[in-house]
């Protein structure tokens, strides 16, 4: 009987301690590990990253011949601003070479083949331009259409949309269940 009472006492004291220890252990959350997402450059991103770099370096160095060699004869730039007409090659090149491009940075590039001779490339461009002695930093969302002519890639069309503080991300809307 003494042994049974002693066992009951040990059980009554030890059981709540074990339950408490288990609950405390369950309540602890493992520290969150930062996501270490490995971004791998695809073959197309490597190719077009180099071509975009050549284009912007040509503009930075005001090398008209280098810039022109990367542009197709029908090259034009589209923008969301009024009047909505594309800017033709000569006018865009004149404007771009007149800018004092101090630095540029291309990020978030992706490239998708349209077919064997056309690739759609999009990225965010940050460029620093000096205008009348004043530095101006501008960000753009760029979509380029590159076409292969005689085994040489040339930029045919560009869509350039300025990014700014007023631009917001579109809200992700899920299905309402009413449709």
Foldseek 3Di string as FASTA:
>chain_A
DVVVVVVVVCCVVVVVVVVVVVVVVVPDDDDDDDDDDDDDQDPVNVVVVVLVVQLVVCLQVLPLVSNVVQADQQEWEFEPDPPGDTHGDVRVSVVSSPWNWPDKDWDPWDWDAPDPFKIKIWTKMWTWTQDPNRIDIWIWIKIWIWGADPNHIHTHYMYIYTDDPPDDDDDDDDDPPPD
